[in-house]
Amino acid sequence: MELGRLEYLQALVTEFQVTDSPEAKEQVLANLANFAYDPKNYEYLRQLQVLDLFLDMLTEDNETLVEFAIGKGCT
């Protein structure tokens, strides 16, 4: 079964929320940031509240997560 764009992005958000691995969180957040560069994904990312997720990462102790969040917030 092939996932549609919304379903795939939802799977990434869910993976980010349930994983305890800092490395996995970094990878998933990087993937979400890459999707955020494409305007076609804006409505999906808004619907999934990914911007809020990026904003929440600004207060994390993990510098990589903060950098990804800042980088996405600047684009």
C-alpha atoms as a PDB file:
ATOM      1  CA  MET A   1       0.000   0.000   0.000  1.00  0.00           C
ATOM      2  CA  GLU A   2       1.345   3.395  -0.994  1.00  0.00           C
ATOM      3  CA  LEU A   3       0.856   6.277   1.402  1.00  0.00           C
ATOM      4  CA  GLY A   4      -0.372   9.620   0.138  1.00  0.00           C
ATOM      5  CA  ARG A   5       1.525  12.769   1.004  1.00  0.00           C
ATOM      6  CA  LEU A   6      -0.678  13.641   3.999  1.00  0.00           C
ATOM      7  CA  GLU A   7      -0.507  10.114   5.381  1.00  0.00           C
ATOM      8  CA  TYR A   8       3.268  10.016   4.977  1.00  0.00           C
ATOM      9  CA  LEU A   9       3.697  13.334   6.773  1.00  0.00           C
ATOM     10  CA  GLN A  10       1.338  12.144   9.527  1.00  0.00           C
ATOM     11  CA  ALA A  11       3.485   9.026   9.904  1.00  0.00           C
ATOM     12  CA  LEU A  12       6.587  11.218  10.299  1.00  0.00           C
ATOM     13  CA  VAL A  13       4.891  13.393  12.930  1.00  0.00           C
ATOM     14  CA  THR A  14       3.721  10.308  14.816  1.00  0.00           C
ATOM     15  CA  GLU A  15       7.178   8.749  14.649  1.00  0.00           C
ATOM     16  CA  PHE A  16       8.677  11.962  16.018  1.00  0.00           C
ATOM     17  CA  GLN A  17       6.189  12.043  18.885  1.00  0.00           C
ATOM     18  CA  VAL A  18       6.579   8.411  19.970  1.00  0.00           C
ATOM     19  CA  THR A  19      10.314   7.841  19.616  1.00  0.00           C
ATOM     20  CA  ASP A  20      12.658   8.231  22.559  1.00  0.00           C
ATOM     21  CA  SER A  21      15.813   8.134  20.434  1.00  0.00           C
ATOM     22  CA  PRO A  22      17.445  11.570  20.035  1.00  0.00           C
ATOM     23  CA  GLU A  23      19.012  10.456  16.745  1.00  0.00           C
ATOM     24  CA  ALA A  24      15.652   9.316  15.375  1.00  0.00           C
ATOM     25  CA  LYS A  25      14.051  12.619  16.421  1.00  0.00           C
ATOM     26  CA  GLU A  26      16.815  14.519  14.609  1.00  0.00           C
ATOM     27  CA  GLN A  27      16.335  12.481  11.441  1.00  0.00           C
ATOM     28  CA  VAL A  28      12.547  12.822  11.451  1.00  0.00           C
ATOM     29  CA  LEU A  29      12.672  16.559  12.172  1.00  0.00           C
ATOM     30  CA  ALA A  30      15.160  16.983   9.324  1.00  0.00           C
ATOM     31  CA  ASN A  31      12.775  15.122   7.015  1.00  0.00           C
ATOM     32  CA  LEU A  32       9.873  17.336   8.065  1.00  0.00           C
ATOM     33  CA  ALA A  33      12.021  20.422   7.516  1.00  0.00           C
ATOM     34  CA  ASN A  34      12.843  19.224   3.997  1.00  0.00           C
ATOM     35  CA  PHE A  35       9.150  18.766   3.229  1.00  0.00           C
ATOM     36  CA  ALA A  36       8.481  22.280   4.520  1.00  0.00           C
ATOM     37  CA  TYR A  37      10.531  23.790   1.674  1.00  0.00           C
ATOM     38  CA  ASP A  38       7.938  22.663  -0.886  1.00  0.00           C
ATOM     39  CA  PRO A  39       4.888  24.976  -0.965  1.00  0.00           C
ATOM     40  CA  LYS A  40       2.745  22.008  -2.044  1.00  0.00           C
ATOM     41  CA  ASN A  41       3.122  20.649   1.487  1.00  0.00           C
ATOM     42  CA  TYR A  42       2.107  23.823   3.328  1.00  0.00           C
ATOM     43  CA  GLU A  43      -1.529  22.906   3.870  1.00  0.00           C
ATOM     44  CA  TYR A  44      -0.633  19.409   5.057  1.00  0.00           C
ATOM     45  CA  LEU A  45       2.017  20.700   7.458  1.00  0.00           C
ATOM     46  CA  ARG A  46      -0.397  23.316   8.795  1.00  0.00           C
ATOM     47  CA  GLN A  47      -3.087  20.690   9.259  1.00  0.00           C
ATOM     48  CA  LEU A  48      -0.623  18.460  11.150  1.00  0.00           C
ATOM     49  CA  GLN A  49       0.584  21.419  13.259  1.00  0.00           C
ATOM     50  CA  VAL A  50       4.192  20.902  12.217  1.00  0.00           C
ATOM     51  CA  LEU A  51       4.956  24.608  12.697  1.00  0.00           C
ATOM     52  CA  ASP A  52       4.005  24.206  16.360  1.00  0.00           C
ATOM     53  CA  LEU A  53       6.315  21.212  16.535  1.00  0.00           C
ATOM     54  CA  PHE A  54       9.189  23.334  15.159  1.00  0.00           C
ATOM     55  CA  LEU A  55       8.406  26.087  17.666  1.00  0.00           C
ATOM     56  CA  ASP A  56       8.348  23.575  20.526  1.00  0.00           C
ATOM     57  CA  MET A  57      11.839  22.418  19.546  1.00  0.00           C
ATOM     58  CA  LEU A  58      13.274  25.881  20.214  1.00  0.00           C
ATOM     59  CA  THR A  59      13.303  25.109  23.944  1.00  0.00           C
ATOM     60  CA  GLU A  60      14.927  21.673  23.662  1.00  0.00           C
ATOM     61  CA  ASP A  61      18.342  20.876  25.142  1.00  0.00           C
ATOM     62  CA  ASN A  62      19.320  19.047  21.930  1.00  0.00           C
ATOM     63  CA  GLU A  63      21.145  21.681  19.859  1.00  0.00           C
ATOM     64  CA  THR A  64      20.557  19.828  16.595  1.00  0.00           C
ATOM     65  CA  LEU A  65      16.781  19.919  17.090  1.00  0.00           C
ATOM     66  CA  VAL A  66      16.984  23.631  17.886  1.00  0.00           C
ATOM     67  CA  GLU A  67      19.067  24.271  14.749  1.00  0.00           C
ATOM     68  CA  PHE A  68      16.581  22.417  12.532  1.00  0.00           C
ATOM     69  CA  ALA A  69      13.710  24.369  14.092  1.00  0.00           C
ATOM     70  CA  ILE A  70      15.466  27.714  13.646  1.00  0.00           C
ATOM     71  CA  GLY A  71      16.472  26.875  10.092  1.00  0.00           C
ATOM     72  CA  LYS A  72      12.922  25.999   9.159  1.00  0.00           C
ATOM     73  CA  GLY A  73      11.545  29.047  10.921  1.00  0.00           C
ATOM     74  CA  CYS A  74      13.782  31.289   8.818  1.00  0.00           C
ATOM     75  CA  THR A  75      12.472  30.009   5.482  1.00  0.00           C
END
